[in-house]
C-alpha atoms as a PDB file:
ATOM      1  CA  MET A   1     164.577 107.348 -55.514  1.00  0.00           C
ATOM      2  CA  GLN A   2     164.013 111.062 -55.086  1.00  0.00           C
ATOM      3  CA  ARG A   3     160.912 110.401 -52.960  1.00  0.00           C
ATOM      4  CA  GLU A   4     162.842 107.977 -50.738  1.00  0.00           C
ATOM      5  CA  GLY A   5     165.742 110.394 -50.344  1.00  0.00           C
ATOM      6  CA  VAL A   6     168.290 108.341 -52.287  1.00  0.00           C
ATOM      7  CA  ILE A   7     168.990 111.252 -54.613  1.00  0.00           C
ATOM      8  CA  ASN A   8     168.510 114.931 -53.728  1.00  0.00           C
ATOM      9  CA  VAL A   9     168.720 116.307 -57.262  1.00  0.00           C
ATOM     10  CA  ASN A  10     166.257 116.707 -60.094  1.00  0.00           C
ATOM     11  CA  PRO A  11     165.498 113.274 -61.626  1.00  0.00           C
ATOM     12  CA  TRP A  12     166.652 114.582 -65.015  1.00  0.00           C
ATOM     13  CA  ILE A  13     170.093 115.238 -63.536  1.00  0.00           C
ATOM     14  CA  PHE A  14     170.212 111.613 -62.421  1.00  0.00           C
ATOM     15  CA  ILE A  15     169.168 110.456 -65.907  1.00  0.00           C
ATOM     16  CA  GLY A  16     171.803 112.700 -67.442  1.00  0.00           C
ATOM     17  CA  SER A  17     174.431 111.188 -65.149  1.00  0.00           C
ATOM     18  CA  VAL A  18     173.409 107.670 -66.229  1.00  0.00           C
ATOM     19  CA  LEU A  19     173.800 108.670 -69.879  1.00  0.00           C
ATOM     20  CA  ALA A  20     177.117 110.390 -69.208  1.00  0.00           C
ATOM     21  CA  LEU A  21     178.453 107.221 -67.597  1.00  0.00           C
ATOM     22  CA  LYS A  22     177.087 105.168 -70.530  1.00  0.00           C
ATOM     23  CA  ALA A  23     175.221 102.980 -68.068  1.00  0.00           C
ATOM     24  CA  SER A  24     171.680 103.215 -69.432  1.00  0.00           C
ATOM     25  CA  SER A  25     171.722  99.658 -70.818  1.00  0.00           C
ATOM     26  CA  ASP A  26     173.428  98.216 -67.713  1.00  0.00           C
ATOM     27  CA  LEU A  27     170.911  99.218 -65.034  1.00  0.00           C
ATOM     28  CA  LYS A  28     169.423  96.117 -63.410  1.00  0.00           C
ATOM     29  CA  PRO A  29     165.920  96.054 -61.917  1.00  0.00           C
ATOM     30  CA  GLY A  30     165.454  95.016 -58.323  1.00  0.00           C
ATOM     31  CA  GLU A  31     165.147  96.161 -54.715  1.00  0.00           C
ATOM     32  CA  TYR A  32     168.152  98.160 -53.510  1.00  0.00           C
ATOM     33  CA  SER A  33     169.508  99.598 -50.279  1.00  0.00           C
ATOM     34  CA  PHE A  34     171.808 102.627 -50.416  1.00  0.00           C
ATOM     35  CA  GLN A  35     174.127 104.207 -47.880  1.00  0.00           C
ATOM     36  CA  LYS A  36     173.059 107.571 -46.555  1.00  0.00           C
ATOM     37  CA  ASN A  37     174.403 110.503 -48.602  1.00  0.00           C
ATOM     38  CA  ALA A  38     175.642 108.178 -51.360  1.00  0.00           C
ATOM     39  CA  SER A  39     176.881 110.021 -54.450  1.00  0.00           C
ATOM     40  CA  LEU A  40     175.152 109.742 -57.820  1.00  0.00           C
ATOM     41  CA  ARG A  41     178.072 107.680 -59.072  1.00  0.00           C
ATOM     42  CA  ASP A  42     177.757 105.271 -56.122  1.00  0.00           C
ATOM     43  CA  VAL A  43     173.989 104.941 -56.595  1.00  0.00           C
ATOM     44  CA  ILE A  44     174.360 104.247 -60.303  1.00  0.00           C
ATOM     45  CA  GLY A  45     177.224 101.821 -59.640  1.00  0.00           C
ATOM     46  CA  THR A  46     175.116  99.834 -57.171  1.00  0.00           C
ATOM     47  CA  ILE A  47     172.300  99.443 -59.705  1.00  0.00           C
ATOM     48  CA  VAL A  48     174.708  98.558 -62.518  1.00  0.00           C
ATOM     49  CA  GLU A  49     176.351  95.862 -60.363  1.00  0.00           C
ATOM     50  CA  GLY A  50     172.937  94.496 -59.416  1.00  0.00           C
ATOM     51  CA  LYS A  51     173.592  94.524 -55.658  1.00  0.00           C
ATOM     52  CA  VAL A  52     169.965  93.855 -54.804  1.00  0.00           C
ATOM     53  CA  VAL A  53     168.592  93.292 -51.311  1.00  0.00           C
ATOM     54  CA  GLN A  54     168.569  89.636 -50.268  1.00  0.00           C
ATOM     55  CA  HIS A  55     165.575  88.545 -48.198  1.00  0.00           C
ATOM     56  CA  ALA A  56     165.999  85.340 -46.205  1.00  0.00           C
ATOM     57  CA  VAL A  57     163.755  82.998 -44.258  1.00  0.00           C
ATOM     58  CA  THR A  58     165.040  80.078 -42.173  1.00  0.00           C
ATOM     59  CA  ILE A  59     162.927  76.955 -41.653  1.00  0.00           C
ATOM     60  CA  PRO A  60     164.483  74.774 -38.918  1.00  0.00           C
ATOM     61  CA  GLU A  61     164.190  70.994 -38.799  1.00  0.00           C
ATOM     62  CA  GLY A  62     161.309  69.393 -36.955  1.00  0.00           C
ATOM     63  CA  LEU A  63     158.541  71.876 -37.733  1.00  0.00           C
ATOM     64  CA  THR A  64     155.237  70.588 -39.045  1.00  0.00           C
ATOM     65  CA  SER A  65     153.850  71.954 -42.305  1.00  0.00           C
ATOM     66  CA  GLU A  66     151.350  73.947 -40.269  1.00  0.00           C
ATOM     67  CA  GLN A  67     154.130  75.577 -38.252  1.00  0.00           C
ATOM     68  CA  ILE A  68     156.101  76.368 -41.415  1.00  0.00           C
ATOM     69  CA  VAL A  69     153.085  78.064 -43.010  1.00  0.00           C
ATOM     70  CA  ALA A  70     152.543  80.031 -39.788  1.00  0.00           C
ATOM     71  CA  ARG A  71     156.121  81.326 -40.021  1.00  0.00           C
ATOM     72  CA  LEU A  72     155.558  82.468 -43.582  1.00  0.00           C
ATOM     73  CA  ILE A  73     152.319  84.208 -42.648  1.00  0.00           C
ATOM     74  CA  ASP A  74     154.007  86.013 -39.744  1.00  0.00           C
ATOM     75  CA  ASN A  75     156.834  87.220 -42.008  1.00  0.00           C
ATOM     76  CA  ASP A  76     155.965  90.620 -43.475  1.00  0.00           C
ATOM     77  CA  ILE A  77     158.378  90.387 -46.407  1.00  0.00           C
ATOM     78  CA  PHE A  78     156.029  87.957 -48.170  1.00  0.00           C
ATOM     79  CA  ALA A  79     152.699  88.694 -49.828  1.00  0.00           C
ATOM     80  CA  GLY A  80     149.564  86.712 -50.557  1.00  0.00           C
ATOM     81  CA  GLY A  81     147.941  83.879 -48.657  1.00  0.00           C
ATOM     82  CA  VAL A  82     148.232  80.095 -48.456  1.00  0.00           C
ATOM     83  CA  ARG A  83     145.308  78.049 -49.753  1.00  0.00           C
ATOM     84  CA  GLU A  84     146.046  74.818 -47.904  1.00  0.00           C
ATOM     85  CA  ILE A  85     148.604  73.266 -45.586  1.00  0.00           C
ATOM     86  CA  PRO A  86     151.083  71.174 -47.630  1.00  0.00           C
ATOM     87  CA  ARG A  87     151.407  67.463 -46.911  1.00  0.00           C
ATOM     88  CA  GLU A  88     153.887  66.584 -44.162  1.00  0.00           C
ATOM     89  CA  GLY A  89     157.433  65.874 -45.326  1.00  0.00           C
ATOM     90  CA  THR A  90     157.129  67.858 -48.576  1.00  0.00           C
ATOM     91  CA  LEU A  91     158.815  71.076 -47.353  1.00  0.00           C
ATOM     92  CA  LEU A  92     162.599  71.040 -46.987  1.00  0.00           C
ATOM     93  CA  PRO A  93     163.982  72.749 -43.824  1.00  0.00           C
ATOM     94  CA  GLU A  94     166.561  75.215 -45.072  1.00  0.00           C
ATOM     95  CA  THR A  95     167.486  78.895 -45.285  1.00  0.00           C
ATOM     96  CA  TYR A  96     165.955  80.344 -48.436  1.00  0.00           C
ATOM     97  CA  LYS A  97     167.094  83.617 -49.980  1.00  0.00           C
ATOM     98  CA  PHE A  98     165.104  85.781 -52.373  1.00  0.00           C
ATOM     99  CA  ARG A  99     166.083  88.783 -54.443  1.00  0.00           C
ATOM    100  CA  ALA A 100     162.555  90.143 -54.371  1.00  0.00           C
ATOM    101  CA  ALA A 101     159.753  89.672 -51.868  1.00  0.00           C
ATOM    102  CA  PRO A 102     157.784  86.751 -53.375  1.00  0.00           C
ATOM    103  CA  ARG A 103     154.299  85.465 -52.680  1.00  0.00           C
ATOM    104  CA  ARG A 104     153.903  82.896 -49.930  1.00  0.00           C
ATOM    105  CA  ASP A 105     152.636  80.250 -52.341  1.00  0.00           C
ATOM    106  CA  GLN A 106     155.787  80.781 -54.423  1.00  0.00           C
ATOM    107  CA  VAL A 107     157.937  80.205 -51.325  1.00  0.00           C
ATOM    108  CA  ILE A 108     156.078  76.957 -50.586  1.00  0.00           C
ATOM    109  CA  GLN A 109     156.464  75.854 -54.200  1.00  0.00           C
ATOM    110  CA  ARG A 110     160.219  76.464 -54.026  1.00  0.00           C
ATOM    111  CA  MET A 111     160.457  74.504 -50.773  1.00  0.00           C
ATOM    112  CA  GLN A 112     158.566  71.589 -52.342  1.00  0.00           C
ATOM    113  CA  GLN A 113     160.743  71.595 -55.451  1.00  0.00           C
ATOM    114  CA  THR A 114     163.917  71.706 -53.341  1.00  0.00           C
ATOM    115  CA  GLN A 115     162.639  68.826 -51.207  1.00  0.00           C
ATOM    116  CA  LYS A 116     161.967  66.693 -54.308  1.00  0.00           C
ATOM    117  CA  ARG A 117     165.434  67.410 -55.694  1.00  0.00           C
ATOM    118  CA  VAL A 118     167.239  66.627 -52.425  1.00  0.00           C
ATOM    119  CA  LEU A 119     165.169  63.477 -51.862  1.00  0.00           C
ATOM    120  CA  ALA A 120     165.959  62.256 -55.401  1.00  0.00           C
ATOM    121  CA  GLU A 121     169.684  62.828 -54.820  1.00  0.00           C
ATOM    122  CA  ILE A 122     169.605  60.928 -51.507  1.00  0.00           C
ATOM    123  CA  TRP A 123     167.578  58.109 -53.071  1.00  0.00           C
ATOM    124  CA  GLU A 124     170.213  57.626 -55.764  1.00  0.00           C
ATOM    125  CA  ARG A 125     172.909  57.239 -53.081  1.00  0.00           C
ATOM    126  CA  ARG A 126     170.890  54.932 -50.812  1.00  0.00           C
ATOM    127  CA  ASN A 127     172.242  51.676 -49.410  1.00  0.00           C
ATOM    128  CA  PRO A 128     170.811  48.852 -51.590  1.00  0.00           C
ATOM    129  CA  ASP A 129     170.420  46.666 -48.482  1.00  0.00           C
ATOM    130  CA  VAL A 130     167.863  49.013 -46.906  1.00  0.00           C
ATOM    131  CA  PRO A 131     164.392  47.407 -47.338  1.00  0.00           C
ATOM    132  CA  ILE A 132     162.651  50.499 -48.686  1.00  0.00           C
ATOM    133  CA  ASN A 133     161.176  50.308 -52.172  1.00  0.00           C
ATOM    134  CA  ARG A 134     160.161  53.916 -52.718  1.00  0.00           C
ATOM    135  CA  PRO A 135     161.507  57.320 -51.668  1.00  0.00           C
ATOM    136  CA  SER A 136     159.632  59.178 -48.958  1.00  0.00           C
ATOM    137  CA  SER A 137     160.390  61.778 -46.338  1.00  0.00           C
ATOM    138  CA  SER A 138     159.184  62.734 -42.899  1.00  0.00           C
ATOM    139  CA  SER A 139     159.389  65.786 -40.668  1.00  0.00           C
ATOM    140  CA  CYS A 140     158.989  63.506 -37.633  1.00  0.00           C
ATOM    141  CA  TRP A 141     162.603  62.320 -37.332  1.00  0.00           C
ATOM    142  CA  PRO A 142     164.011  65.495 -35.732  1.00  0.00           C
ATOM    143  CA  ARG A 143     161.257  65.320 -33.094  1.00  0.00           C
ATOM    144  CA  SER A 144     161.771  61.574 -32.540  1.00  0.00           C
ATOM    145  CA  SER A 145     165.410  62.240 -31.716  1.00  0.00           C
ATOM    146  CA  ARG A 146     166.637  65.756 -30.947  1.00  0.00           C
ATOM    147  CA  ARG A 147     170.292  64.695 -31.101  1.00  0.00           C
ATOM    148  CA  LYS A 148     171.522  64.306 -34.678  1.00  0.00           C
ATOM    149  CA  PRO A 149     174.006  61.473 -33.879  1.00  0.00           C
ATOM    150  CA  ALA A 150     171.079  59.355 -32.622  1.00  0.00           C
ATOM    151  CA  ARG A 151     168.891  59.814 -35.704  1.00  0.00           C
ATOM    152  CA  PRO A 152     170.376  56.949 -37.767  1.00  0.00           C
ATOM    153  CA  THR A 153     169.554  54.584 -34.880  1.00  0.00           C
ATOM    154  CA  SER A 154     166.058  56.029 -34.634  1.00  0.00           C
ATOM    155  CA  ALA A 155     165.531  55.623 -38.374  1.00  0.00           C
ATOM    156  CA  ALA A 156     166.823  52.045 -38.270  1.00  0.00           C
ATOM    157  CA  ALA A 157     164.073  51.130 -35.824  1.00  0.00           C
ATOM    158  CA  TRP A 158     161.520  51.891 -38.533  1.00  0.00           C
ATOM    159  CA  ARG A 159     163.168  49.928 -41.339  1.00  0.00           C
ATOM    160  CA  PRO A 160     161.382  46.580 -40.758  1.00  0.00           C
ATOM    161  CA  CYS A 161     157.988  48.131 -41.460  1.00  0.00           C
ATOM    162  CA  SER A 162     159.051  50.655 -44.110  1.00  0.00           C
ATOM    163  CA  SER A 163     158.200  48.510 -47.114  1.00  0.00           C
ATOM    164  CA  THR A 164     154.628  47.681 -46.017  1.00  0.00           C
ATOM    165  CA  GLY A 165     153.663  50.899 -44.284  1.00  0.00           C
ATOM    166  CA  CYS A 166     154.151  51.454 -40.573  1.00  0.00           C
ATOM    167  CA  ALA A 167     150.495  52.143 -39.810  1.00  0.00           C
ATOM    168  CA  ARG A 168     149.470  48.745 -41.225  1.00  0.00           C
ATOM    169  CA  ASP A 169     152.268  46.656 -39.711  1.00  0.00           C
ATOM    170  CA  GLN A 170     151.450  45.145 -36.308  1.00  0.00           C
ATOM    171  CA  ALA A 171     155.151  45.002 -35.521  1.00  0.00           C
ATOM    172  CA  ALA A 172     155.581  48.705 -36.184  1.00  0.00           C
ATOM    173  CA  VAL A 173     157.162  50.999 -33.658  1.00  0.00           C
ATOM    174  CA  ARG A 174     154.549  53.418 -32.385  1.00  0.00           C
ATOM    175  CA  SER A 175     155.380  57.095 -32.159  1.00  0.00           C
ATOM    176  CA  ASP A 176     153.529  60.059 -30.670  1.00  0.00           C
ATOM    177  CA  HIS A 177     155.516  62.356 -32.930  1.00  0.00           C
ATOM    178  CA  HIS A 178     153.755  61.027 -36.010  1.00  0.00           C
ATOM    179  CA  LEU A 179     150.380  61.928 -34.536  1.00  0.00           C
ATOM    180  CA  ARG A 180     151.406  65.576 -34.648  1.00  0.00           C
ATOM    181  CA  ALA A 181     151.376  65.370 -38.427  1.00  0.00           C
ATOM    182  CA  GLY A 182     147.805  64.170 -38.833  1.00  0.00           C
ATOM    183  CA  GLY A 183     144.592  66.038 -38.095  1.00  0.00           C
ATOM    184  CA  ARG A 184     146.011  68.396 -35.485  1.00  0.00           C
ATOM    185  CA  GLN A 185     145.865  71.707 -37.350  1.00  0.00           C
ATOM    186  CA  GLY A 186     146.219  74.571 -34.900  1.00  0.00           C
ATOM    187  CA  ASN A 187     147.456  72.261 -32.139  1.00  0.00           C
ATOM    188  CA  ALA A 188     151.010  71.476 -33.211  1.00  0.00           C
ATOM    189  CA  GLY A 189     152.563  72.912 -30.053  1.00  0.00           C
ATOM    190  CA  ARG A 190     150.508  71.178 -27.365  1.00  0.00           C
ATOM    191  CA  PRO A 191     150.981  67.666 -25.906  1.00  0.00           C
ATOM    192  CA  ILE A 192     149.331  64.613 -27.490  1.00  0.00           C
ATOM    193  CA  LYS A 193     145.945  63.653 -26.037  1.00  0.00           C
ATOM    194  CA  ARG A 194     145.090  60.011 -25.377  1.00  0.00           C
ATOM    195  CA  SER A 195     141.938  60.404 -27.477  1.00  0.00           C
ATOM    196  CA  GLU A 196     144.048  61.289 -30.526  1.00  0.00           C
ATOM    197  CA  ILE A 197     145.745  57.889 -30.489  1.00  0.00           C
ATOM    198  CA  THR A 198     142.528  56.272 -31.796  1.00  0.00           C
ATOM    199  CA  GLN A 199     141.812  58.851 -34.496  1.00  0.00           C
ATOM    200  CA  PRO A 200     142.325  57.525 -38.075  1.00  0.00           C
ATOM    201  CA  SER A 201     145.152  59.265 -39.921  1.00  0.00           C
ATOM    202  CA  PRO A 202     147.771  58.322 -42.557  1.00  0.00           C
ATOM    203  CA  TYR A 203     150.329  59.311 -39.911  1.00  0.00           C
ATOM    204  CA  ASN A 204     148.856  57.365 -36.979  1.00  0.00           C
ATOM    205  CA  THR A 205     151.339  54.572 -36.206  1.00  0.00           C
ATOM    206  CA  TYR A 206     149.132  53.202 -33.449  1.00  0.00           C
END
C-alpha cells in the first residue's frame, strides 16, 4: 500500500493504527480501491468492511462458444489460457461478477455450472405436453429470431423433431444459424457458405 501510494507513512505506523483500532483480526484479504488522500482510518475501515473491487464481464445472448472465449481472451482482467472451445449451448449468457481476477478456465467453468443449474430449473417447470424427453440448450435461438417476443414461435417450429434429433428428421426445419455452431472455428462472424451446408456436423440441420 505504501508502494502504491495508499498510505504515505511508515508501514509500522499503519500496523500500529490497526492494533490501536483493534482491527487486526478483522482485516479481509482482497483487491481494494481507495480514494485519493484517504486517511488511515478510512483505509483500515475499507479493508475491515471487505469492500473489494468487483470485476464484471457481460456475455450477451446469441454468441457462439468461440466468440465467448474470444471475449475472455481479449479481457485483460483474466489470466491463463483456454484449452478448448466448449460445446455450443453449455455457456450461459449473463453478467458475471468476480471479487478477484480469476483464470479464464475458471470463468468458463462457472458459466457451465450456471448453465446446468438454470437448465435444470427450467426443465422442472416445463410444460408436460412439450414432446421433448431430455433437457438441452442452444445458443442458436437468439440468432434465429432477434426479437424476444418471436422466440417462443421460433422454438415451437422445432418441437416436432426435438425428440428424435433435428439433423436426423427429414421433416426438420433447416436453419443456417445452426451451421455457425459446427466446424466454423474462426469464422463465426462471416456469412454461411453453400459448401458448408453439406459438411457433416452434429449441428447441421440440413
